[in-house]
Amino acid sequence: MQVGEIIREVRKSKRIRQKVLARMVGISPGALTNFEKGRRRISLDWLHKIAEALDTPVAYFLPDESDKSRATPGDPRERRLLTAWRQLSKNETLRDDFLQLLEHLGRAKGIKKVRKRAS
């Protein structure tokens, strides 16, 4: 997936219109369209501004060929996770606890898959 495609997926998952993101970053909607469609190469400076506006780390937009297991922005589970994160309100303690739980689960070894029982 190209950088522009990732920008588009993140923007759409956050339900931000092109026009709004372009205004936030300070470019024309046409320029943003060209970035997203790969018709124009994006500079690191513009990528940084877009990443900041989307509240997403710049590294997320850069291809990482060594990590094939990374969930794509179109993965419904990732969207559910982002939605849950946003619903945690602005309570930093709750967000920190949630993040620690996810990190713990990510490091856990030997977790067996649990099958749902038929009722």
N, C-alpha and C. Protein backbone atom coordinates (compact mmCIF):
# COMPACT_ATOMS: atom_id res chain seq x y z
N MET A 1 0.84 -1.17 0.00
CA MET A 1 0.00 0.00 0.00
C MET A 1 0.90 1.24 0.00
N GLN A 2 0.57 2.20 -0.82
CA GLN A 2 1.35 3.43 -0.95
C GLN A 2 0.97 4.42 0.16
N VAL A 3 1.86 5.38 0.40
CA VAL A 3 1.65 6.39 1.44
C VAL A 3 0.31 7.10 1.27
N GLY A 4 0.01 7.53 0.06
CA GLY A 4 -1.24 8.23 -0.20
C GLY A 4 -2.46 7.40 0.11
N GLU A 5 -2.39 6.11 -0.20
CA GLU A 5 -3.52 5.22 0.09
C GLU A 5 -3.72 5.09 1.60
N ILE A 6 -2.62 5.05 2.32
CA ILE A 6 -2.70 4.93 3.78
C ILE A 6 -3.30 6.21 4.37
N ILE A 7 -2.86 7.36 3.84
CA ILE A 7 -3.43 8.63 4.29
C ILE A 7 -4.94 8.62 4.09
N ARG A 8 -5.37 8.18 2.92
CA ARG A 8 -6.81 8.15 2.62
C ARG A 8 -7.56 7.22 3.57
N GLU A 9 -7.01 6.02 3.82
CA GLU A 9 -7.67 5.07 4.71
C GLU A 9 -7.80 5.62 6.13
N VAL A 10 -6.73 6.24 6.62
CA VAL A 10 -6.77 6.81 7.98
C VAL A 10 -7.78 7.95 8.03
N ARG A 11 -7.73 8.81 7.02
CA ARG A 11 -8.66 9.94 6.97
C ARG A 11 -10.11 9.45 6.97
N LYS A 12 -10.38 8.43 6.16
CA LYS A 12 -11.75 7.90 6.08
C LYS A 12 -12.15 7.20 7.38
N SER A 13 -11.21 6.48 8.00
CA SER A 13 -11.55 5.79 9.25
C SER A 13 -11.86 6.78 10.35
N LYS A 14 -11.32 7.99 10.25
CA LYS A 14 -11.60 9.04 11.24
C LYS A 14 -12.76 9.93 10.79
N ARG A 15 -13.33 9.58 9.66
CA ARG A 15 -14.48 10.30 9.11
C ARG A 15 -14.21 11.79 8.92
N ILE A 16 -13.06 12.05 8.31
CA ILE A 16 -12.68 13.43 8.00
C ILE A 16 -12.73 13.60 6.48
N ARG A 17 -13.46 14.60 6.02
CA ARG A 17 -13.56 14.85 4.59
C ARG A 17 -12.26 15.45 4.08
N GLN A 18 -11.96 15.21 2.80
CA GLN A 18 -10.75 15.74 2.18
C GLN A 18 -10.65 17.25 2.35
N LYS A 19 -11.74 17.91 2.11
CA LYS A 19 -11.78 19.37 2.19
C LYS A 19 -11.38 19.85 3.58
N VAL A 20 -11.87 19.17 4.60
CA VAL A 20 -11.58 19.54 5.99
C VAL A 20 -10.10 19.29 6.31
N LEU A 21 -9.59 18.12 5.93
CA LEU A 21 -8.18 17.82 6.19
C LEU A 21 -7.27 18.79 5.45
N ALA A 22 -7.60 19.08 4.21
CA ALA A 22 -6.80 20.03 3.42
C ALA A 22 -6.74 21.38 4.12
N ARG A 23 -7.88 21.82 4.63
CA ARG A 23 -7.93 23.11 5.34
C ARG A 23 -7.09 23.05 6.62
N MET A 24 -7.15 21.93 7.34
CA MET A 24 -6.39 21.77 8.58
C MET A 24 -4.88 21.85 8.32
N VAL A 25 -4.46 21.28 7.18
CA VAL A 25 -3.04 21.21 6.85
C VAL A 25 -2.55 22.46 6.15
N GLY A 26 -3.46 23.14 5.43
CA GLY A 26 -3.07 24.35 4.71
C GLY A 26 -2.70 24.11 3.26
N ILE A 27 -3.37 23.11 2.66
CA ILE A 27 -3.17 22.84 1.23
C ILE A 27 -4.53 22.84 0.55
N SER A 28 -4.51 22.80 -0.76
CA SER A 28 -5.78 22.76 -1.48
C SER A 28 -6.32 21.32 -1.47
N PRO A 29 -7.64 21.17 -1.55
CA PRO A 29 -8.21 19.82 -1.63
C PRO A 29 -7.66 19.04 -2.84
N GLY A 30 -7.38 19.76 -3.94
CA GLY A 30 -6.82 19.10 -5.13
C GLY A 30 -5.43 18.53 -4.86
N ALA A 31 -4.62 19.26 -4.09
CA ALA A 31 -3.28 18.77 -3.75
C ALA A 31 -3.39 17.52 -2.89
N LEU A 32 -4.33 17.52 -1.94
CA LEU A 32 -4.53 16.34 -1.09
C LEU A 32 -4.98 15.15 -1.93
N THR A 33 -5.88 15.40 -2.87
CA THR A 33 -6.33 14.34 -3.77
C THR A 33 -5.13 13.75 -4.53
N ASN A 34 -4.27 14.61 -5.02
CA ASN A 34 -3.08 14.15 -5.76
C ASN A 34 -2.16 13.33 -4.87
N PHE A 35 -2.01 13.72 -3.60
CA PHE A 35 -1.20 12.93 -2.67
C PHE A 35 -1.82 11.55 -2.47
N GLU A 36 -3.14 11.54 -2.19
CA GLU A 36 -3.82 10.28 -1.91
C GLU A 36 -3.83 9.33 -3.11
N LYS A 37 -3.93 9.87 -4.29
CA LYS A 37 -3.98 9.03 -5.50
C LYS A 37 -2.60 8.72 -6.06
N GLY A 38 -1.56 9.25 -5.43
CA GLY A 38 -0.19 8.96 -5.87
C GLY A 38 0.22 9.72 -7.12
N ARG A 39 -0.52 10.73 -7.50
CA ARG A 39 -0.17 11.53 -8.67
C ARG A 39 0.91 12.55 -8.36
N ARG A 40 1.09 12.81 -7.08
CA ARG A 40 2.09 13.77 -6.64
C ARG A 40 2.82 13.18 -5.43
N ARG A 41 4.14 13.24 -5.45
CA ARG A 41 4.91 12.74 -4.32
C ARG A 41 4.78 13.69 -3.14
N ILE A 42 4.69 13.11 -1.98
CA ILE A 42 4.52 13.92 -0.78
C ILE A 42 5.85 14.09 -0.07
N SER A 43 6.14 15.32 0.32
CA SER A 43 7.39 15.58 1.05
C SER A 43 7.20 15.15 2.50
N LEU A 44 8.29 14.95 3.19
CA LEU A 44 8.23 14.58 4.60
C LEU A 44 7.57 15.69 5.42
N ASP A 45 7.79 16.93 5.02
CA ASP A 45 7.19 18.06 5.72
C ASP A 45 5.66 17.99 5.65
N TRP A 46 5.13 17.76 4.44
CA TRP A 46 3.68 17.66 4.29
C TRP A 46 3.14 16.42 5.00
N LEU A 47 3.88 15.32 4.92
CA LEU A 47 3.45 14.10 5.59
C LEU A 47 3.36 14.33 7.09
N HIS A 48 4.32 15.04 7.63
CA HIS A 48 4.32 15.34 9.06
C HIS A 48 3.08 16.16 9.43
N LYS A 49 2.76 17.16 8.62
CA LYS A 49 1.58 18.00 8.89
C LYS A 49 0.29 17.19 8.81
N ILE A 50 0.21 16.32 7.82
CA ILE A 50 -0.99 15.49 7.66
C ILE A 50 -1.10 14.51 8.82
N ALA A 51 0.02 13.89 9.20
CA ALA A 51 0.01 12.94 10.31
C ALA A 51 -0.42 13.63 11.61
N GLU A 52 0.06 14.83 11.81
CA GLU A 52 -0.31 15.60 13.00
C GLU A 52 -1.80 15.91 12.99
N ALA A 53 -2.31 16.33 11.84
CA ALA A 53 -3.74 16.65 11.73
C ALA A 53 -4.61 15.41 11.96
N LEU A 54 -4.11 14.24 11.55
CA LEU A 54 -4.86 12.99 11.73
C LEU A 54 -4.57 12.32 13.06
N ASP A 55 -3.72 12.95 13.87
CA ASP A 55 -3.34 12.42 15.18
C ASP A 55 -2.82 10.98 15.05
N THR A 56 -1.91 10.80 14.10
CA THR A 56 -1.34 9.48 13.79
C THR A 56 0.17 9.63 13.64
N PRO A 57 0.96 8.72 14.17
CA PRO A 57 2.41 8.83 14.02
C PRO A 57 2.83 8.77 12.54
N VAL A 58 3.82 9.56 12.17
CA VAL A 58 4.31 9.59 10.79
C VAL A 58 4.72 8.19 10.34
N ALA A 59 5.34 7.44 11.23
CA ALA A 59 5.82 6.10 10.88
C ALA A 59 4.70 5.19 10.40
N TYR A 60 3.47 5.44 10.83
CA TYR A 60 2.35 4.61 10.42
C TYR A 60 2.14 4.66 8.91
N PHE A 61 2.45 5.80 8.31
CA PHE A 61 2.23 5.99 6.88
C PHE A 61 3.34 5.43 6.02
N LEU A 62 4.47 5.14 6.63
CA LEU A 62 5.63 4.66 5.88
C LEU A 62 5.57 3.15 5.76
N PRO A 63 5.83 2.63 4.58
CA PRO A 63 5.77 1.17 4.38
C PRO A 63 6.84 0.46 5.19
N ASP A 64 6.48 -0.65 5.80
CA ASP A 64 7.40 -1.46 6.56
C ASP A 64 7.31 -2.88 6.04
N GLU A 65 8.18 -3.20 5.12
CA GLU A 65 8.14 -4.51 4.46
C GLU A 65 8.47 -5.65 5.42
N SER A 66 9.17 -5.37 6.53
CA SER A 66 9.57 -6.43 7.44
C SER A 66 8.42 -6.89 8.34
N ASP A 67 7.37 -6.10 8.43
CA ASP A 67 6.25 -6.43 9.32
C ASP A 67 5.00 -6.72 8.50
N LYS A 68 4.89 -7.94 8.05
CA LYS A 68 3.74 -8.33 7.23
C LYS A 68 2.49 -8.58 8.07
N SER A 69 2.64 -8.71 9.39
CA SER A 69 1.48 -9.02 10.22
C SER A 69 0.73 -7.77 10.65
N ARG A 70 1.24 -6.61 10.35
CA ARG A 70 0.60 -5.36 10.77
C ARG A 70 -0.79 -5.26 10.15
N ALA A 71 -1.73 -4.89 10.97
CA ALA A 71 -3.10 -4.73 10.48
C ALA A 71 -3.15 -3.53 9.54
N THR A 72 -3.86 -3.68 8.46
CA THR A 72 -3.98 -2.57 7.53
C THR A 72 -5.05 -1.61 8.03
N PRO A 73 -5.00 -0.33 7.62
CA PRO A 73 -6.00 0.61 8.08
C PRO A 73 -7.42 0.19 7.74
N GLY A 74 -7.58 -0.68 6.75
CA GLY A 74 -8.91 -1.14 6.38
C GLY A 74 -9.40 -2.30 7.21
N ASP A 75 -8.57 -2.82 8.10
CA ASP A 75 -8.93 -3.96 8.94
C ASP A 75 -10.03 -3.53 9.91
N PRO A 76 -11.19 -4.17 9.88
CA PRO A 76 -12.30 -3.76 10.74
C PRO A 76 -11.96 -3.82 12.23
N ARG A 77 -11.07 -4.75 12.61
CA ARG A 77 -10.69 -4.86 14.02
C ARG A 77 -9.91 -3.63 14.46
N GLU A 78 -9.07 -3.10 13.56
CA GLU A 78 -8.32 -1.90 13.89
C GLU A 78 -9.27 -0.71 14.05
N ARG A 79 -10.24 -0.63 13.18
CA ARG A 79 -11.21 0.46 13.28
C ARG A 79 -11.99 0.37 14.59
N ARG A 80 -12.36 -0.86 14.98
CA ARG A 80 -13.07 -1.04 16.25
C ARG A 80 -12.20 -0.60 17.42
N LEU A 81 -10.91 -0.91 17.34
CA LEU A 81 -9.99 -0.52 18.39
C LEU A 81 -9.87 1.00 18.48
N LEU A 82 -9.75 1.66 17.33
CA LEU A 82 -9.68 3.12 17.31
C LEU A 82 -10.96 3.75 17.85
N THR A 83 -12.09 3.17 17.49
CA THR A 83 -13.37 3.67 17.98
C THR A 83 -13.44 3.53 19.50
N ALA A 84 -13.03 2.38 20.01
CA ALA A 84 -13.04 2.17 21.46
C ALA A 84 -12.12 3.16 22.16
N TRP A 85 -10.95 3.40 21.57
CA TRP A 85 -9.99 4.35 22.15
C TRP A 85 -10.61 5.75 22.25
N ARG A 86 -11.26 6.16 21.17
CA ARG A 86 -11.87 7.50 21.16
C ARG A 86 -13.01 7.61 22.17
N GLN A 87 -13.65 6.49 22.48
CA GLN A 87 -14.77 6.51 23.40
C GLN A 87 -14.33 6.50 24.87
N LEU A 88 -13.04 6.38 25.11
CA LEU A 88 -12.54 6.37 26.48
C LEU A 88 -12.52 7.76 27.10
N SER A 89 -13.07 8.70 26.40
CA SER A 89 -13.10 10.11 26.81
C SER A 89 -11.70 10.65 26.92
N LYS A 90 -11.54 11.67 27.69
CA LYS A 90 -10.22 12.29 27.84
C LYS A 90 -9.58 11.90 29.17
N ASN A 91 -10.07 10.85 29.79
CA ASN A 91 -9.54 10.38 31.06
C ASN A 91 -8.20 9.69 30.81
N GLU A 92 -7.12 10.39 31.12
CA GLU A 92 -5.78 9.87 30.83
C GLU A 92 -5.46 8.60 31.62
N THR A 93 -5.94 8.51 32.84
CA THR A 93 -5.68 7.32 33.65
C THR A 93 -6.32 6.10 33.00
N LEU A 94 -7.55 6.25 32.56
CA LEU A 94 -8.25 5.15 31.89
C LEU A 94 -7.53 4.76 30.60
N ARG A 95 -7.11 5.75 29.83
CA ARG A 95 -6.39 5.47 28.58
C ARG A 95 -5.06 4.76 28.86
N ASP A 96 -4.34 5.21 29.91
CA ASP A 96 -3.06 4.56 30.26
C ASP A 96 -3.27 3.11 30.67
N ASP A 97 -4.32 2.85 31.46
CA ASP A 97 -4.62 1.48 31.88
C ASP A 97 -4.98 0.61 30.68
N PHE A 98 -5.78 1.15 29.78
CA PHE A 98 -6.18 0.43 28.58
C PHE A 98 -4.95 0.07 27.73
N LEU A 99 -4.07 1.04 27.56
CA LEU A 99 -2.86 0.82 26.78
C LEU A 99 -1.96 -0.22 27.43
N GLN A 100 -1.82 -0.18 28.75
CA GLN A 100 -1.01 -1.17 29.46
C GLN A 100 -1.59 -2.57 29.29
N LEU A 101 -2.92 -2.66 29.34
CA LEU A 101 -3.58 -3.96 29.13
C LEU A 101 -3.27 -4.51 27.74
N LEU A 102 -3.39 -3.66 26.73
CA LEU A 102 -3.10 -4.10 25.36
C LEU A 102 -1.64 -4.53 25.20
N GLU A 103 -0.74 -3.75 25.79
CA GLU A 103 0.68 -4.11 25.72
C GLU A 103 0.95 -5.44 26.42
N HIS A 104 0.30 -5.65 27.56
CA HIS A 104 0.45 -6.91 28.28
C HIS A 104 -0.05 -8.09 27.43
N LEU A 105 -1.22 -7.91 26.84
CA LEU A 105 -1.77 -8.97 26.00
C LEU A 105 -0.89 -9.24 24.79
N GLY A 106 -0.28 -8.18 24.25
CA GLY A 106 0.61 -8.34 23.10
C GLY A 106 1.87 -9.12 23.43
N ARG A 107 2.30 -9.04 24.69
CA ARG A 107 3.51 -9.75 25.10
C ARG A 107 3.22 -11.15 25.62
N ALA A 108 1.97 -11.45 25.91
CA ALA A 108 1.60 -12.74 26.51
C ALA A 108 1.93 -13.88 25.56
N LYS A 109 2.49 -14.93 26.15
CA LYS A 109 2.85 -16.11 25.36
C LYS A 109 2.01 -17.29 25.83
N GLY A 110 1.78 -18.19 24.92
CA GLY A 110 1.06 -19.40 25.29
C GLY A 110 -0.42 -19.22 25.49
N ILE A 111 -0.97 -18.17 24.92
CA ILE A 111 -2.41 -17.97 25.05
C ILE A 111 -3.11 -18.92 24.08
N LYS A 112 -4.02 -19.68 24.63
CA LYS A 112 -4.77 -20.62 23.80
C LYS A 112 -6.00 -19.94 23.25
N LYS A 113 -6.35 -20.28 22.03
CA LYS A 113 -7.57 -19.75 21.46
C LYS A 113 -8.75 -20.39 22.16
N VAL A 114 -9.70 -19.54 22.49
CA VAL A 114 -10.90 -20.04 23.17
C VAL A 114 -12.00 -20.15 22.12
N ARG A 115 -12.59 -21.34 22.05
CA ARG A 115 -13.69 -21.53 21.12
C ARG A 115 -15.00 -21.20 21.81
N LYS A 116 -15.88 -20.57 21.06
CA LYS A 116 -17.19 -20.27 21.62
C LYS A 116 -17.98 -21.56 21.72
N ARG A 117 -18.63 -21.73 22.85
CA ARG A 117 -19.45 -22.93 23.04
C ARG A 117 -20.83 -22.69 22.44
N ALA A 118 -21.39 -23.73 21.89
CA ALA A 118 -22.75 -23.64 21.37
C ALA A 118 -23.71 -23.62 22.54
N SER A 119 -24.67 -22.71 22.51
CA SER A 119 -25.63 -22.60 23.64
C SER A 119 -26.77 -23.53 23.46
